[in-house]
Amino acid sequence: PRSTTADALQRATGALSTAATARMDAELPWFRELSAPDRSGVGLIVQAGIKAFVDWFRADDGSPAPGA
């Protein structure tokens, strides 16, 4: 069921964020050149995007989550 998948996605948000950041570090020279605070800021954006996706996926009607 969709709710079970949404729960699994929510539990995996940390791992997904880590994987996305690692991939950017491996493939994007501009990302590697950022300062630690800027890299952290990009990480926060990644986390927010993943959370917004999980919230959207959890919605039964497929409409955007409130505040997204």
PDB file of N, CA and C in Angstrom:
ATOM      1  N   PRO A   1       0.818  -1.209   0.000  1.00  0.00           N
ATOM      2  CA  PRO A   1       0.000   0.000   0.000  1.00  0.00           C
ATOM      3  C   PRO A   1       0.860   1.271   0.000  1.00  0.00           C
ATOM      4  N   ARG A   2       0.270   2.328  -0.488  1.00  0.00           N
ATOM      5  CA  ARG A   2       0.976   3.607  -0.602  1.00  0.00           C
ATOM      6  C   ARG A   2       1.485   4.087   0.756  1.00  0.00           C
ATOM      7  N   SER A   3       0.704   3.939   1.807  1.00  0.00           N
ATOM      8  CA  SER A   3       1.127   4.435   3.119  1.00  0.00           C
ATOM      9  C   SER A   3       2.353   3.677   3.634  1.00  0.00           C
ATOM     10  N   THR A   4       2.432   2.391   3.357  1.00  0.00           N
ATOM     11  CA  THR A   4       3.597   1.602   3.763  1.00  0.00           C
ATOM     12  C   THR A   4       4.837   2.083   3.029  1.00  0.00           C
ATOM     13  N   THR A   5       4.691   2.362   1.742  1.00  0.00           N
ATOM     14  CA  THR A   5       5.815   2.870   0.951  1.00  0.00           C
ATOM     15  C   THR A   5       6.227   4.251   1.441  1.00  0.00           C
ATOM     16  N   ALA A   6       5.236   5.092   1.751  1.00  0.00           N
ATOM     17  CA  ALA A   6       5.530   6.433   2.265  1.00  0.00           C
ATOM     18  C   ALA A   6       6.264   6.347   3.596  1.00  0.00           C
ATOM     19  N   ASP A   7       5.866   5.419   4.454  1.00  0.00           N
ATOM     20  CA  ASP A   7       6.554   5.238   5.733  1.00  0.00           C
ATOM     21  C   ASP A   7       8.004   4.806   5.506  1.00  0.00           C
ATOM     22  N   ALA A   8       8.219   3.910   4.573  1.00  0.00           N
ATOM     23  CA  ALA A   8       9.578   3.456   4.264  1.00  0.00           C
ATOM     24  C   ALA A   8      10.410   4.605   3.708  1.00  0.00           C
ATOM     25  N   LEU A   9       9.816   5.417   2.840  1.00  0.00           N
ATOM     26  CA  LEU A   9      10.528   6.578   2.311  1.00  0.00           C
ATOM     27  C   LEU A   9      10.895   7.547   3.430  1.00  0.00           C
ATOM     28  N   GLN A  10       9.969   7.762   4.341  1.00  0.00           N
ATOM     29  CA  GLN A  10      10.238   8.687   5.436  1.00  0.00           C
ATOM     30  C   GLN A  10      11.383   8.173   6.308  1.00  0.00           C
ATOM     31  N   ARG A  11      11.412   6.874   6.569  1.00  0.00           N
ATOM     32  CA  ARG A  11      12.506   6.302   7.363  1.00  0.00           C
ATOM     33  C   ARG A  11      13.840   6.405   6.630  1.00  0.00           C
ATOM     34  N   ALA A  12      13.799   6.453   5.311  1.00  0.00           N
ATOM     35  CA  ALA A  12      15.023   6.468   4.508  1.00  0.00           C
ATOM     36  C   ALA A  12      15.499   7.877   4.155  1.00  0.00           C
ATOM     37  N   THR A  13      14.834   8.913   4.651  1.00  0.00           N
ATOM     38  CA  THR A  13      15.204  10.265   4.222  1.00  0.00           C
ATOM     39  C   THR A  13      16.655  10.601   4.561  1.00  0.00           C
ATOM     40  N   GLY A  14      17.142  10.170   5.707  1.00  0.00           N
ATOM     41  CA  GLY A  14      18.533  10.437   6.062  1.00  0.00           C
ATOM     42  C   GLY A  14      19.498   9.775   5.088  1.00  0.00           C
ATOM     43  N   ALA A  15      19.242   8.518   4.776  1.00  0.00           N
ATOM     44  CA  ALA A  15      20.102   7.789   3.840  1.00  0.00           C
ATOM     45  C   ALA A  15      20.010   8.388   2.436  1.00  0.00           C
ATOM     46  N   LEU A  16      18.811   8.803   2.034  1.00  0.00           N
ATOM     47  CA  LEU A  16      18.650   9.421   0.717  1.00  0.00           C
ATOM     48  C   LEU A  16      19.410  10.739   0.640  1.00  0.00           C
ATOM     49  N   SER A  17      19.344  11.539   1.696  1.00  0.00           N
ATOM     50  CA  SER A  17      20.067  12.813   1.729  1.00  0.00           C
ATOM     51  C   SER A  17      21.575  12.578   1.671  1.00  0.00           C
ATOM     52  N   THR A  18      22.040  11.605   2.438  1.00  0.00           N
ATOM     53  CA  THR A  18      23.462  11.281   2.440  1.00  0.00           C
ATOM     54  C   THR A  18      23.915  10.809   1.067  1.00  0.00           C
ATOM     55  N   ALA A  19      23.109   9.955   0.441  1.00  0.00           N
ATOM     56  CA  ALA A  19      23.460   9.438  -0.890  1.00  0.00           C
ATOM     57  C   ALA A  19      23.479  10.557  -1.924  1.00  0.00           C
ATOM     58  N   ALA A  20      22.520  11.470  -1.848  1.00  0.00           N
ATOM     59  CA  ALA A  20      22.477  12.579  -2.809  1.00  0.00           C
ATOM     60  C   ALA A  20      23.689  13.484  -2.638  1.00  0.00           C
ATOM     61  N   THR A  21      24.041  13.772  -1.393  1.00  0.00           N
ATOM     62  CA  THR A  21      25.195  14.624  -1.132  1.00  0.00           C
ATOM     63  C   THR A  21      26.488  13.948  -1.586  1.00  0.00           C
ATOM     64  N   ALA A  22      26.609  12.657  -1.319  1.00  0.00           N
ATOM     65  CA  ALA A  22      27.800  11.916  -1.755  1.00  0.00           C
ATOM     66  C   ALA A  22      27.911  11.900  -3.272  1.00  0.00           C
ATOM     67  N   ARG A  23      26.785  11.762  -3.938  1.00  0.00           N
ATOM     68  CA  ARG A  23      26.802  11.755  -5.406  1.00  0.00           C
ATOM     69  C   ARG A  23      27.217  13.113  -5.953  1.00  0.00           C
ATOM     70  N   MET A  24      26.701  14.181  -5.351  1.00  0.00           N
ATOM     71  CA  MET A  24      27.110  15.514  -5.787  1.00  0.00           C
ATOM     72  C   MET A  24      28.607  15.709  -5.559  1.00  0.00           C
ATOM     73  N   ASP A  25      29.097  15.242  -4.423  1.00  0.00           N
ATOM     74  CA  ASP A  25      30.516  15.367  -4.116  1.00  0.00           C
ATOM     75  C   ASP A  25      31.373  14.600  -5.124  1.00  0.00           C
ATOM     76  N   ALA A  26      30.881  13.454  -5.557  1.00  0.00           N
ATOM     77  CA  ALA A  26      31.638  12.615  -6.488  1.00  0.00           C
ATOM     78  C   ALA A  26      31.595  13.136  -7.921  1.00  0.00           C
ATOM     79  N   GLU A  27      30.493  13.780  -8.306  1.00  0.00           N
ATOM     80  CA  GLU A  27      30.300  14.104  -9.719  1.00  0.00           C
ATOM     81  C   GLU A  27      30.299  15.588 -10.077  1.00  0.00           C
ATOM     82  N   LEU A  28      30.198  16.451  -9.090  1.00  0.00           N
ATOM     83  CA  LEU A  28      30.074  17.867  -9.394  1.00  0.00           C
ATOM     84  C   LEU A  28      31.243  18.657  -8.810  1.00  0.00           C
ATOM     85  N   PRO A  29      32.197  19.049  -9.650  1.00  0.00           N
ATOM     86  CA  PRO A  29      33.358  19.794  -9.140  1.00  0.00           C
ATOM     87  C   PRO A  29      32.965  21.054  -8.366  1.00  0.00           C
ATOM     88  N   TRP A  30      31.944  21.760  -8.814  1.00  0.00           N
ATOM     89  CA  TRP A  30      31.549  22.992  -8.141  1.00  0.00           C
ATOM     90  C   TRP A  30      31.095  22.717  -6.712  1.00  0.00           C
ATOM     91  N   PHE A  31      30.484  21.557  -6.493  1.00  0.00           N
ATOM     92  CA  PHE A  31      30.024  21.216  -5.144  1.00  0.00           C
ATOM     93  C   PHE A  31      31.218  20.974  -4.223  1.00  0.00           C
ATOM     94  N   ARG A  32      32.230  20.284  -4.719  1.00  0.00           N
ATOM     95  CA  ARG A  32      33.431  20.011  -3.921  1.00  0.00           C
ATOM     96  C   ARG A  32      34.156  21.293  -3.538  1.00  0.00           C
ATOM     97  N   GLU A  33      34.026  22.314  -4.365  1.00  0.00           N
ATOM     98  CA  GLU A  33      34.729  23.568  -4.127  1.00  0.00           C
ATOM     99  C   GLU A  33      34.007  24.499  -3.143  1.00  0.00           C
ATOM    100  N   LEU A  34      32.797  24.164  -2.767  1.00  0.00           N
ATOM    101  CA  LEU A  34      32.056  25.001  -1.830  1.00  0.00           C
ATOM    102  C   LEU A  34      32.676  24.951  -0.442  1.00  0.00           C
ATOM    103  N   SER A  35      32.470  26.020   0.303  1.00  0.00           N
ATOM    104  CA  SER A  35      32.896  26.037   1.706  1.00  0.00           C
ATOM    105  C   SER A  35      31.994  25.086   2.501  1.00  0.00           C
ATOM    106  N   ALA A  36      32.451  24.720   3.684  1.00  0.00           N
ATOM    107  CA  ALA A  36      31.653  23.823   4.532  1.00  0.00           C
ATOM    108  C   ALA A  36      30.265  24.401   4.825  1.00  0.00           C
ATOM    109  N   PRO A  37      30.153  25.692   5.158  1.00  0.00           N
ATOM    110  CA  PRO A  37      28.806  26.237   5.402  1.00  0.00           C
ATOM    111  C   PRO A  37      27.912  26.196   4.153  1.00  0.00           C
ATOM    112  N   ASP A  38      28.504  26.438   2.984  1.00  0.00           N
ATOM    113  CA  ASP A  38      27.710  26.396   1.756  1.00  0.00           C
ATOM    114  C   ASP A  38      27.284  24.967   1.431  1.00  0.00           C
ATOM    115  N   ARG A  39      28.181  24.011   1.637  1.00  0.00           N
ATOM    116  CA  ARG A  39      27.821  22.596   1.427  1.00  0.00           C
ATOM    117  C   ARG A  39      26.692  22.195   2.377  1.00  0.00           C
ATOM    118  N   SER A  40      26.779  22.676   3.598  1.00  0.00           N
ATOM    119  CA  SER A  40      25.731  22.393   4.568  1.00  0.00           C
ATOM    120  C   SER A  40      24.396  22.985   4.113  1.00  0.00           C
ATOM    121  N   GLY A  41      24.439  24.189   3.570  1.00  0.00           N
ATOM    122  CA  GLY A  41      23.217  24.818   3.053  1.00  0.00           C
ATOM    123  C   GLY A  41      22.601  24.022   1.921  1.00  0.00           C
ATOM    124  N   VAL A  42      23.442  23.527   1.018  1.00  0.00           N
ATOM    125  CA  VAL A  42      22.934  22.689  -0.066  1.00  0.00           C
ATOM    126  C   VAL A  42      22.329  21.414   0.524  1.00  0.00           C
ATOM    127  N   GLY A  43      22.975  20.866   1.548  1.00  0.00           N
ATOM    128  CA  GLY A  43      22.432  19.672   2.205  1.00  0.00           C
ATOM    129  C   GLY A  43      21.053  19.920   2.795  1.00  0.00           C
ATOM    130  N   LEU A  44      20.843  21.093   3.354  1.00  0.00           N
ATOM    131  CA  LEU A  44      19.524  21.429   3.899  1.00  0.00           C
ATOM    132  C   LEU A  44      18.478  21.508   2.795  1.00  0.00           C
ATOM    133  N   ILE A  45      18.883  22.028   1.644  1.00  0.00           N
ATOM    134  CA  ILE A  45      17.965  22.097   0.499  1.00  0.00           C
ATOM    135  C   ILE A  45      17.617  20.690   0.024  1.00  0.00           C
ATOM    136  N   VAL A  46      18.615  19.811  -0.021  1.00  0.00           N
ATOM    137  CA  VAL A  46      18.382  18.417  -0.411  1.00  0.00           C
ATOM    138  C   VAL A  46      17.382  17.778   0.547  1.00  0.00           C
ATOM    139  N   GLN A  47      17.608  17.945   1.846  1.00  0.00           N
ATOM    140  CA  GLN A  47      16.702  17.374   2.841  1.00  0.00           C
ATOM    141  C   GLN A  47      15.280  17.903   2.684  1.00  0.00           C
ATOM    142  N   ALA A  48      15.159  19.204   2.451  1.00  0.00           N
ATOM    143  CA  ALA A  48      13.824  19.800   2.275  1.00  0.00           C
ATOM    144  C   ALA A  48      13.139  19.246   1.035  1.00  0.00           C
ATOM    145  N   GLY A  49      13.905  19.063  -0.034  1.00  0.00           N
ATOM    146  CA  GLY A  49      13.323  18.508  -1.258  1.00  0.00           C
ATOM    147  C   GLY A  49      12.843  17.080  -1.063  1.00  0.00           C
ATOM    148  N   ILE A  50      13.634  16.284  -0.371  1.00  0.00           N
ATOM    149  CA  ILE A  50      13.236  14.895  -0.118  1.00  0.00           C
ATOM    150  C   ILE A  50      12.008  14.859   0.781  1.00  0.00           C
ATOM    151  N   LYS A  51      11.977  15.709   1.806  1.00  0.00           N
ATOM    152  CA  LYS A  51      10.804  15.756   2.684  1.00  0.00           C
ATOM    153  C   LYS A  51       9.556  16.166   1.907  1.00  0.00           C
ATOM    154  N   ALA A  52       9.698  17.157   1.038  1.00  0.00           N
ATOM    155  CA  ALA A  52       8.551  17.600   0.236  1.00  0.00           C
ATOM    156  C   ALA A  52       8.060  16.474  -0.672  1.00  0.00           C
ATOM    157  N   PHE A  53       9.000  15.712  -1.241  1.00  0.00           N
ATOM    158  CA  PHE A  53       8.593  14.590  -2.086  1.00  0.00           C
ATOM    159  C   PHE A  53       7.833  13.551  -1.268  1.00  0.00           C
ATOM    160  N   VAL A  54       8.333  13.205  -0.085  1.00  0.00           N
ATOM    161  CA  VAL A  54       7.662  12.209   0.753  1.00  0.00           C
ATOM    162  C   VAL A  54       6.278  12.707   1.143  1.00  0.00           C
ATOM    163  N   ASP A  55       6.168  13.974   1.512  1.00  0.00           N
ATOM    164  CA  ASP A  55       4.855  14.534   1.857  1.00  0.00           C
ATOM    165  C   ASP A  55       3.899  14.468   0.673  1.00  0.00           C
ATOM    166  N   TRP A  56       4.399  14.808  -0.517  1.00  0.00           N
ATOM    167  CA  TRP A  56       3.568  14.747  -1.718  1.00  0.00           C
ATOM    168  C   TRP A  56       3.151  13.308  -2.000  1.00  0.00           C
ATOM    169  N   PHE A  57       4.091  12.377  -1.901  1.00  0.00           N
ATOM    170  CA  PHE A  57       3.800  10.975  -2.180  1.00  0.00           C
ATOM    171  C   PHE A  57       2.766  10.425  -1.210  1.00  0.00           C
ATOM    172  N   ARG A  58       2.855  10.866   0.042  1.00  0.00           N
ATOM    173  CA  ARG A  58       1.922  10.372   1.065  1.00  0.00           C
ATOM    174  C   ARG A  58       0.487  10.838   0.788  1.00  0.00           C
ATOM    175  N   ALA A  59       0.340  11.996   0.147  1.00  0.00           N
ATOM    176  CA  ALA A  59      -1.002  12.527  -0.141  1.00  0.00           C
ATOM    177  C   ALA A  59      -1.707  11.598  -1.134  1.00  0.00           C
ATOM    178  N   ASP A  60      -2.872  11.138  -0.788  1.00  0.00           N
ATOM    179  CA  ASP A  60      -3.598  10.185  -1.635  1.00  0.00           C
ATOM    180  C   ASP A  60      -3.991  10.756  -2.987  1.00  0.00           C
ATOM    181  N   ASP A  61      -4.292  12.043  -3.032  1.00  0.00           N
ATOM    182  CA  ASP A  61      -4.783  12.620  -4.286  1.00  0.00           C
ATOM    183  C   ASP A  61      -3.674  13.143  -5.192  1.00  0.00           C
ATOM    184  N   GLY A  62      -2.426  13.087  -4.718  1.00  0.00           N
ATOM    185  CA  GLY A  62      -1.309  13.529  -5.547  1.00  0.00           C
ATOM    186  C   GLY A  62      -1.135  15.037  -5.616  1.00  0.00           C
ATOM    187  N   SER A  63      -1.938  15.773  -4.855  1.00  0.00           N
ATOM    188  CA  SER A  63      -1.790  17.239  -4.878  1.00  0.00           C
ATOM    189  C   SER A  63      -0.577  17.629  -4.033  1.00  0.00           C
ATOM    190  N   PRO A  64      -0.049  18.837  -4.271  1.00  0.00           N
ATOM    191  CA  PRO A  64       1.103  19.271  -3.476  1.00  0.00           C
ATOM    192  C   PRO A  64       0.771  19.321  -1.999  1.00  0.00           C
ATOM    193  N   ALA A  65       1.745  18.995  -1.177  1.00  0.00           N
ATOM    194  CA  ALA A  65       1.555  19.064   0.278  1.00  0.00           C
ATOM    195  C   ALA A  65       1.421  20.532   0.694  1.00  0.00           C
ATOM    196  N   PRO A  66       0.684  20.806   1.763  1.00  0.00           N
ATOM    197  CA  PRO A  66       0.557  22.185   2.233  1.00  0.00           C
ATOM    198  C   PRO A  66       1.936  22.774   2.515  1.00  0.00           C
ATOM    199  N   GLY A  67       2.155  23.985   2.053  1.00  0.00           N
ATOM    200  CA  GLY A  67       3.417  24.652   2.270  1.00  0.00           C
ATOM    201  C   GLY A  67       4.516  24.242   1.316  1.00  0.00           C
ATOM    202  N   ALA A  68       4.221  23.336   0.386  1.00  0.00           N
ATOM    203  CA  ALA A  68       5.258  22.880  -0.552  1.00  0.00           C
ATOM    204  C   ALA A  68       5.337  23.795  -1.743  1.00  0.00           C
TER     205      ALA A  68
END
